[in-house]
Amino acid sequence: MSAHHGSVSIQTHDFDVSAELAALRAHDKRVGAVCSFVGTVRGAHQTDTEGGNSPAIVSMELEHYPGMTEKSIMTMIDEAHQRFNIYGARVVHRVGLLLPLDQIVLVAVTSRHRGMSFQGCEFLMDYLKTQAPFWKKEQTPQGAQWVDARVSDDAALQRWGIQASNG
């Protein structure tokens, strides 16, 4: 696969969104749209979309299987290229210890028009939330716990015709 088609970086250090977007669209004069999503660590107590309460997060630790994780995400980027008329995609995902307000993930997609970029970006993010081989442990004032994918995340993936395997 060529570098402009899709790329994945799993890293402990932070990323520069502007630099990542510039690199993704560099020298591709076809690009008319760039869509991106940045996920961050929430620190505040809040009510989630399923009616439950999410305790304040003191820290988050993310783990992965090196090599396997990148391959899995590249396979999904290939799927995004088949489903949508996108030119390029970039996924940067952090691992290790993260604190509230830290950036966790960047998903960026280029295409000719915004519609395909939005769909490709959302498709990739839905996949990452449920199927990418990451393990997340949240530290809250009540203690630490490993986090499973939410029912709402599984439902988001199913609308793309992919059955979630999280149980």
Protein backbone atom coordinates (compact mmCIF):
# COMPACT_ATOMS: atom_id res chain seq x y z
CA MET A 1 0.00 0.00 0.00
CA SER A 2 1.38 3.43 -0.86
CA ALA A 3 1.97 5.96 1.91
CA HIS A 4 -0.60 8.43 0.58
CA HIS A 5 -3.35 5.79 0.58
CA GLY A 6 -3.40 5.30 4.32
CA SER A 7 -1.13 5.33 7.31
CA VAL A 8 -1.24 4.37 10.97
CA SER A 9 0.89 5.45 13.89
CA ILE A 10 0.60 4.01 17.39
CA GLN A 11 2.69 6.14 19.75
CA THR A 12 3.15 7.31 23.32
CA HIS A 13 3.96 10.94 22.45
CA ASP A 14 1.42 13.62 21.56
CA PHE A 15 0.66 14.59 17.97
CA ASP A 16 0.32 17.91 16.14
CA VAL A 17 -3.05 17.91 14.36
CA SER A 18 -2.04 20.67 11.95
CA ALA A 19 1.16 18.87 10.92
CA GLU A 20 -0.67 15.55 10.50
CA LEU A 21 -3.34 17.12 8.27
CA ALA A 22 -0.75 18.97 6.19
CA ALA A 23 1.21 15.76 5.64
CA LEU A 24 -1.93 13.81 4.70
CA ARG A 25 -2.94 16.22 1.97
CA ALA A 26 0.54 17.28 0.83
CA HIS A 27 1.04 17.31 -2.92
CA ASP A 28 -2.39 15.79 -3.68
CA LYS A 29 -4.08 18.42 -5.82
CA ARG A 30 -7.26 16.30 -6.02
CA VAL A 31 -8.10 16.99 -2.37
CA GLY A 32 -11.07 19.28 -1.90
CA ALA A 33 -12.01 18.14 1.60
CA VAL A 34 -10.27 17.04 4.77
CA CYS A 35 -12.30 15.71 7.67
CA SER A 36 -10.75 14.98 11.03
CA PHE A 37 -11.74 13.78 14.46
CA VAL A 38 -9.68 14.19 17.63
CA GLY A 39 -10.60 12.27 20.75
CA THR A 40 -9.43 13.50 24.15
CA VAL A 41 -9.45 12.20 27.72
CA ARG A 42 -12.50 13.46 29.66
CA GLY A 43 -11.80 14.44 33.22
CA ALA A 44 -15.22 15.54 34.45
CA HIS A 45 -18.04 13.46 35.94
CA GLN A 46 -20.92 13.27 33.46
CA THR A 47 -24.04 11.36 32.45
CA ASP A 48 -23.39 9.15 29.42
CA THR A 49 -25.67 8.60 26.41
CA GLU A 50 -27.07 5.39 27.86
CA GLY A 51 -28.37 7.09 31.00
CA GLY A 52 -25.62 5.91 33.32
CA ASN A 53 -23.09 8.01 35.15
CA SER A 54 -19.46 8.20 34.06
CA PRO A 55 -17.19 8.96 36.99
CA ALA A 56 -14.44 11.55 36.69
CA ILE A 57 -11.34 10.10 35.05
CA VAL A 58 -8.09 10.72 36.90
CA SER A 59 -6.00 8.95 34.25
CA MET A 60 -6.32 6.43 31.45
CA GLU A 61 -3.92 3.74 30.35
CA LEU A 62 -4.09 2.29 26.85
CA GLU A 63 -2.38 -0.91 25.75
CA HIS A 64 -2.13 -2.66 22.37
CA TYR A 65 -0.41 -5.50 20.53
CA PRO A 66 2.36 -3.93 18.41
CA GLY A 67 2.09 -4.97 14.77
CA MET A 68 -1.34 -6.56 15.18
CA THR A 69 -3.00 -3.24 16.01
CA GLU A 70 -1.49 -1.41 13.02
CA LYS A 71 -2.40 -4.25 10.65
CA SER A 72 -5.98 -4.30 11.91
CA ILE A 73 -6.39 -0.54 11.41
CA MET A 74 -4.77 -0.65 7.95
CA THR A 75 -7.29 -3.34 6.96
CA MET A 76 -10.12 -1.02 8.03
CA ILE A 77 -8.54 1.90 6.12
CA ASP A 78 -8.53 -0.37 3.03
CA GLU A 79 -12.22 -1.06 3.70
CA ALA A 80 -12.91 2.68 3.93
CA HIS A 81 -11.26 3.16 0.53
CA GLN A 82 -13.53 0.48 -0.94
CA ARG A 83 -16.70 1.93 0.59
CA PHE A 84 -16.11 5.63 0.07
CA ASN A 85 -14.43 7.68 -2.61
CA ILE A 86 -11.60 8.85 -0.35
CA TYR A 87 -8.03 9.66 -1.34
CA GLY A 88 -6.13 9.20 1.91
CA ALA A 89 -6.57 8.35 5.56
CA ARG A 90 -4.41 8.77 8.64
CA VAL A 91 -4.94 7.29 12.10
CA VAL A 92 -2.73 8.30 15.02
CA HIS A 93 -3.54 6.55 18.30
CA ARG A 94 -1.72 7.08 21.55
CA VAL A 95 -0.94 4.37 24.09
CA GLY A 96 0.47 4.51 27.60
CA LEU A 97 -0.60 6.74 30.46
CA LEU A 98 -2.86 9.68 29.50
CA LEU A 99 -4.35 12.44 31.64
CA PRO A 100 -7.52 14.55 31.30
CA LEU A 101 -7.40 16.84 28.23
CA ASP A 102 -4.67 14.74 26.56
CA GLN A 103 -5.28 13.86 22.93
CA ILE A 104 -5.91 10.14 22.43
CA VAL A 105 -6.69 9.65 18.76
CA LEU A 106 -6.69 11.43 15.42
CA VAL A 107 -8.62 10.11 12.44
CA ALA A 108 -8.24 12.16 9.26
CA VAL A 109 -9.59 11.48 5.76
CA THR A 110 -9.19 13.31 2.44
CA SER A 111 -11.50 13.23 -0.57
CA ARG A 112 -12.78 15.41 -3.38
CA HIS A 113 -15.92 16.48 -1.50
CA ARG A 114 -16.84 16.72 2.18
CA GLY A 115 -19.49 13.99 2.22
CA MET A 116 -17.09 11.14 1.54
CA SER A 117 -14.54 12.57 3.98
CA PHE A 118 -17.15 12.82 6.75
CA GLN A 119 -18.39 9.27 6.11
CA GLY A 120 -14.90 7.79 5.88
CA CYS A 121 -13.84 9.51 9.08
CA GLU A 122 -16.94 8.39 10.99
CA PHE A 123 -16.62 4.83 9.67
CA LEU A 124 -13.00 4.61 10.84
CA MET A 125 -13.79 6.08 14.25
CA ASP A 126 -16.70 3.67 14.78
CA TYR A 127 -14.34 0.81 13.97
CA LEU A 128 -11.63 2.07 16.32
CA LYS A 129 -14.10 2.39 19.23
CA THR A 130 -15.19 -1.24 19.00
CA GLN A 131 -12.88 -3.47 16.97
CA ALA A 132 -9.32 -2.18 17.06
CA PRO A 133 -7.18 -4.21 19.47
CA PHE A 134 -6.70 -1.66 22.24
CA TRP A 135 -7.30 -2.17 25.94
CA LYS A 136 -8.28 0.80 28.06
CA LYS A 137 -8.07 1.06 31.84
CA GLU A 138 -9.58 4.12 33.49
CA GLN A 139 -8.49 5.31 36.92
CA THR A 140 -11.33 7.09 38.75
CA PRO A 141 -11.72 8.22 42.37
CA GLN A 142 -13.55 4.88 42.90
CA GLY A 143 -10.57 2.85 41.59
CA ALA A 144 -9.29 1.41 38.31
CA GLN A 145 -11.31 -0.62 35.83
CA TRP A 146 -10.86 -2.03 32.34
CA VAL A 147 -13.39 -0.51 29.92
CA ASP A 148 -15.51 -2.44 27.39
CA ALA A 149 -17.04 -1.00 24.25
CA ARG A 150 -20.44 0.59 24.91
CA VAL A 151 -23.67 -0.70 23.42
CA SER A 152 -24.02 2.62 21.57
CA ASP A 153 -20.56 2.09 20.00
CA ASP A 154 -21.56 -1.39 18.82
CA ALA A 155 -24.77 0.02 17.33
CA ALA A 156 -22.79 2.69 15.48
CA LEU A 157 -20.61 0.01 13.89
CA GLN A 158 -23.64 -2.11 12.94
CA ARG A 159 -25.06 0.68 10.79
CA TRP A 160 -22.06 0.11 8.50
CA GLY A 161 -23.03 -3.56 8.21
CA ILE A 162 -20.32 -4.77 10.60
CA GLN A 163 -21.29 -6.94 13.53
CA ALA A 164 -19.41 -6.03 16.71
CA SER A 165 -17.62 -8.91 18.37
CA ASN A 166 -17.42 -7.42 21.86
CA GLY A 167 -20.38 -9.31 23.25
